[in-house]
Amino acid sequence: AFLRGVDLRGANLEGSDLHGANLRYANLRGSNLAKADLRCADLRYADLEGACLEGANLRGSLYNHSTCFPVGFDPVTAGMQPFEF
């Protein structure tokens, strides 16, 4: 899915299949991504602040220094890959 820059603030995406999705620059602030499949998704510059990532599969997803995560979330532990140019 090509969702670059999309505004999904507060969206209920629980259990969604977003495997390989381009979510670069997406606003996912406060969204529900519990149990979502986000493997290999591009989350560079995405705003995930306040999002629910409980049980989400983020293995191989890309993030960078501008990706905003929920408080206490560790992208390395989640299996995400840092990407800086």
N, C-alpha and C. Protein backbone atom coordinates (compact mmCIF):
# COMPACT_ATOMS: atom_id res chain seq x y z
N ALA A 1 0.85 -1.19 0.00
CA ALA A 1 0.00 0.00 0.00
C ALA A 1 0.89 1.25 0.00
N PHE A 2 0.52 2.21 -0.78
CA PHE A 2 1.23 3.48 -0.84
C PHE A 2 0.44 4.49 -0.02
N LEU A 3 0.89 4.70 1.21
CA LEU A 3 0.20 5.59 2.15
C LEU A 3 1.11 6.72 2.60
N ARG A 4 2.03 7.09 1.76
CA ARG A 4 3.00 8.14 2.08
C ARG A 4 2.27 9.45 2.41
N GLY A 5 2.57 9.99 3.59
CA GLY A 5 2.03 11.28 4.01
C GLY A 5 0.57 11.28 4.40
N VAL A 6 -0.06 10.13 4.47
CA VAL A 6 -1.48 10.07 4.79
C VAL A 6 -1.72 10.45 6.26
N ASP A 7 -2.87 11.05 6.53
CA ASP A 7 -3.23 11.44 7.90
C ASP A 7 -4.19 10.39 8.46
N LEU A 8 -3.68 9.55 9.34
CA LEU A 8 -4.47 8.50 9.97
C LEU A 8 -4.52 8.68 11.49
N ARG A 9 -4.48 9.94 11.92
CA ARG A 9 -4.56 10.22 13.35
C ARG A 9 -5.79 9.58 13.97
N GLY A 10 -5.57 8.80 15.03
CA GLY A 10 -6.67 8.21 15.78
C GLY A 10 -7.40 7.08 15.06
N ALA A 11 -6.89 6.63 13.92
CA ALA A 11 -7.56 5.57 13.16
C ALA A 11 -7.48 4.23 13.88
N ASN A 12 -8.51 3.42 13.72
CA ASN A 12 -8.49 2.06 14.27
C ASN A 12 -8.01 1.12 13.17
N LEU A 13 -6.74 0.75 13.24
CA LEU A 13 -6.12 -0.13 12.26
C LEU A 13 -5.73 -1.46 12.89
N GLU A 14 -6.43 -1.82 13.96
CA GLU A 14 -6.12 -3.05 14.67
C GLU A 14 -6.20 -4.25 13.73
N GLY A 15 -5.13 -5.04 13.72
CA GLY A 15 -5.07 -6.25 12.91
C GLY A 15 -4.89 -6.00 11.42
N SER A 16 -4.63 -4.78 11.02
CA SER A 16 -4.48 -4.46 9.59
C SER A 16 -3.24 -5.10 8.98
N ASP A 17 -3.35 -5.44 7.70
CA ASP A 17 -2.21 -5.96 6.96
C ASP A 17 -1.55 -4.81 6.22
N LEU A 18 -0.48 -4.28 6.80
CA LEU A 18 0.27 -3.18 6.22
C LEU A 18 1.69 -3.63 5.90
N HIS A 19 1.84 -4.92 5.63
CA HIS A 19 3.14 -5.51 5.31
C HIS A 19 3.72 -4.82 4.08
N GLY A 20 4.89 -4.21 4.25
CA GLY A 20 5.58 -3.55 3.15
C GLY A 20 5.00 -2.20 2.75
N ALA A 21 4.08 -1.67 3.52
CA ALA A 21 3.43 -0.40 3.18
C ALA A 21 4.41 0.78 3.25
N ASN A 22 4.23 1.72 2.35
CA ASN A 22 5.00 2.96 2.40
C ASN A 22 4.21 3.93 3.26
N LEU A 23 4.64 4.09 4.50
CA LEU A 23 4.01 5.00 5.46
C LEU A 23 4.94 6.16 5.80
N ARG A 24 5.87 6.43 4.90
CA ARG A 24 6.81 7.52 5.13
C ARG A 24 6.03 8.83 5.25
N TYR A 25 6.35 9.61 6.26
CA TYR A 25 5.72 10.90 6.57
C TYR A 25 4.26 10.76 7.03
N ALA A 26 3.78 9.56 7.27
CA ALA A 26 2.39 9.37 7.70
C ALA A 26 2.18 9.86 9.13
N ASN A 27 1.00 10.39 9.38
CA ASN A 27 0.63 10.81 10.72
C ASN A 27 -0.26 9.72 11.31
N LEU A 28 0.31 8.92 12.20
CA LEU A 28 -0.39 7.82 12.86
C LEU A 28 -0.55 8.10 14.34
N ARG A 29 -0.45 9.36 14.70
CA ARG A 29 -0.53 9.76 16.10
C ARG A 29 -1.84 9.30 16.74
N GLY A 30 -1.71 8.55 17.82
CA GLY A 30 -2.88 8.09 18.57
C GLY A 30 -3.68 6.98 17.88
N SER A 31 -3.14 6.41 16.83
CA SER A 31 -3.88 5.35 16.12
C SER A 31 -3.74 4.01 16.85
N ASN A 32 -4.66 3.11 16.55
CA ASN A 32 -4.63 1.77 17.13
C ASN A 32 -4.05 0.82 16.09
N LEU A 33 -2.80 0.41 16.29
CA LEU A 33 -2.12 -0.52 15.40
C LEU A 33 -1.86 -1.86 16.10
N ALA A 34 -2.65 -2.14 17.13
CA ALA A 34 -2.49 -3.39 17.87
C ALA A 34 -2.66 -4.57 16.91
N LYS A 35 -1.74 -5.52 16.99
CA LYS A 35 -1.75 -6.75 16.19
C LYS A 35 -1.68 -6.50 14.69
N ALA A 36 -1.28 -5.30 14.28
CA ALA A 36 -1.14 -5.00 12.85
C ALA A 36 0.15 -5.63 12.31
N ASP A 37 0.12 -6.00 11.05
CA ASP A 37 1.30 -6.54 10.37
C ASP A 37 1.99 -5.38 9.65
N LEU A 38 3.05 -4.90 10.23
CA LEU A 38 3.82 -3.78 9.68
C LEU A 38 5.22 -4.23 9.26
N ARG A 39 5.38 -5.54 9.03
CA ARG A 39 6.69 -6.03 8.62
C ARG A 39 7.15 -5.32 7.35
N CYS A 40 8.41 -4.91 7.36
CA CYS A 40 9.07 -4.28 6.20
C CYS A 40 8.39 -3.00 5.74
N ALA A 41 7.59 -2.39 6.59
CA ALA A 41 6.97 -1.10 6.24
C ALA A 41 8.00 0.01 6.33
N ASP A 42 7.80 1.05 5.56
CA ASP A 42 8.67 2.23 5.61
C ASP A 42 8.03 3.25 6.52
N LEU A 43 8.58 3.41 7.72
CA LEU A 43 8.06 4.33 8.72
C LEU A 43 9.00 5.51 8.97
N ARG A 44 9.85 5.78 7.98
CA ARG A 44 10.73 6.94 8.13
C ARG A 44 9.91 8.22 8.14
N TYR A 45 10.21 9.09 9.06
CA TYR A 45 9.54 10.38 9.25
C TYR A 45 8.08 10.24 9.72
N ALA A 46 7.64 9.04 10.04
CA ALA A 46 6.26 8.84 10.50
C ALA A 46 6.10 9.28 11.95
N ASP A 47 4.89 9.71 12.29
CA ASP A 47 4.57 10.11 13.66
C ASP A 47 3.68 9.04 14.28
N LEU A 48 4.25 8.26 15.19
CA LEU A 48 3.53 7.20 15.89
C LEU A 48 3.32 7.55 17.36
N GLU A 49 3.50 8.80 17.69
CA GLU A 49 3.36 9.21 19.09
C GLU A 49 1.96 8.88 19.60
N GLY A 50 1.90 8.21 20.73
CA GLY A 50 0.62 7.85 21.34
C GLY A 50 -0.10 6.70 20.66
N ALA A 51 0.51 6.10 19.64
CA ALA A 51 -0.12 4.97 18.95
C ALA A 51 -0.03 3.71 19.81
N CYS A 52 -1.02 2.84 19.67
CA CYS A 52 -1.00 1.54 20.34
C CYS A 52 -0.34 0.54 19.40
N LEU A 53 0.82 0.03 19.80
CA LEU A 53 1.57 -0.94 18.98
C LEU A 53 1.60 -2.32 19.64
N GLU A 54 0.71 -2.56 20.58
CA GLU A 54 0.69 -3.83 21.31
C GLU A 54 0.44 -5.00 20.36
N GLY A 55 1.40 -5.91 20.32
CA GLY A 55 1.27 -7.10 19.48
C GLY A 55 1.50 -6.85 18.00
N ALA A 56 1.88 -5.63 17.62
CA ALA A 56 2.14 -5.33 16.21
C ALA A 56 3.45 -5.98 15.79
N ASN A 57 3.51 -6.46 14.56
CA ASN A 57 4.72 -7.07 14.02
C ASN A 57 5.44 -6.01 13.19
N LEU A 58 6.56 -5.51 13.71
CA LEU A 58 7.33 -4.45 13.06
C LEU A 58 8.68 -4.94 12.55
N ARG A 59 8.88 -6.25 12.48
CA ARG A 59 10.17 -6.80 12.05
C ARG A 59 10.54 -6.31 10.66
N GLY A 60 11.75 -5.77 10.56
CA GLY A 60 12.26 -5.32 9.28
C GLY A 60 11.74 -3.98 8.82
N SER A 61 10.88 -3.34 9.60
CA SER A 61 10.37 -2.01 9.23
C SER A 61 11.48 -0.98 9.36
N LEU A 62 11.45 0.01 8.50
CA LEU A 62 12.46 1.06 8.51
C LEU A 62 12.02 2.25 9.36
N TYR A 63 12.97 2.82 10.09
CA TYR A 63 12.72 4.06 10.83
C TYR A 63 13.98 4.91 10.73
N ASN A 64 13.85 6.19 11.06
CA ASN A 64 15.03 7.06 11.08
C ASN A 64 14.96 8.00 12.28
N HIS A 65 15.88 8.94 12.33
CA HIS A 65 15.97 9.86 13.47
C HIS A 65 14.72 10.72 13.62
N SER A 66 13.92 10.85 12.59
CA SER A 66 12.71 11.68 12.64
C SER A 66 11.44 10.90 12.91
N THR A 67 11.53 9.59 13.00
CA THR A 67 10.35 8.79 13.33
C THR A 67 10.02 9.01 14.80
N CYS A 68 8.77 9.36 15.10
CA CYS A 68 8.33 9.59 16.48
C CYS A 68 7.59 8.34 16.98
N PHE A 69 8.04 7.82 18.11
CA PHE A 69 7.46 6.61 18.69
C PHE A 69 6.71 6.93 19.98
N PRO A 70 5.82 6.01 20.40
CA PRO A 70 5.17 6.17 21.71
C PRO A 70 6.21 6.13 22.83
N VAL A 71 5.93 6.78 23.91
CA VAL A 71 6.82 6.79 25.06
C VAL A 71 7.11 5.36 25.49
N GLY A 72 8.39 5.05 25.67
CA GLY A 72 8.82 3.74 26.14
C GLY A 72 8.98 2.69 25.05
N PHE A 73 8.65 3.02 23.81
CA PHE A 73 8.78 2.06 22.72
C PHE A 73 10.22 1.98 22.26
N ASP A 74 10.73 0.75 22.08
CA ASP A 74 12.11 0.54 21.62
C ASP A 74 12.09 -0.12 20.25
N PRO A 75 12.42 0.62 19.19
CA PRO A 75 12.37 0.05 17.84
C PRO A 75 13.35 -1.11 17.64
N VAL A 76 14.48 -1.10 18.32
CA VAL A 76 15.46 -2.18 18.17
C VAL A 76 14.88 -3.48 18.73
N THR A 77 14.29 -3.42 19.90
CA THR A 77 13.66 -4.59 20.50
C THR A 77 12.53 -5.11 19.63
N ALA A 78 11.84 -4.22 18.93
CA ALA A 78 10.74 -4.60 18.04
C ALA A 78 11.22 -5.19 16.72
N GLY A 79 12.54 -5.18 16.50
CA GLY A 79 13.09 -5.76 15.28
C GLY A 79 13.11 -4.82 14.09
N MET A 80 12.96 -3.53 14.36
CA MET A 80 12.97 -2.53 13.29
C MET A 80 14.41 -2.23 12.85
N GLN A 81 14.55 -1.72 11.64
CA GLN A 81 15.87 -1.43 11.06
C GLN A 81 16.06 0.08 10.94
N PRO A 82 17.14 0.62 11.53
CA PRO A 82 17.41 2.06 11.35
C PRO A 82 17.87 2.32 9.91
N PHE A 83 17.44 3.43 9.36
CA PHE A 83 17.82 3.80 7.99
C PHE A 83 18.13 5.28 7.96
N GLU A 84 19.37 5.60 7.76
CA GLU A 84 19.82 6.99 7.62
C GLU A 84 20.57 7.11 6.32
N PHE A 85 20.41 8.23 5.64
CA PHE A 85 21.19 8.38 4.42
C PHE A 85 22.39 9.20 4.66
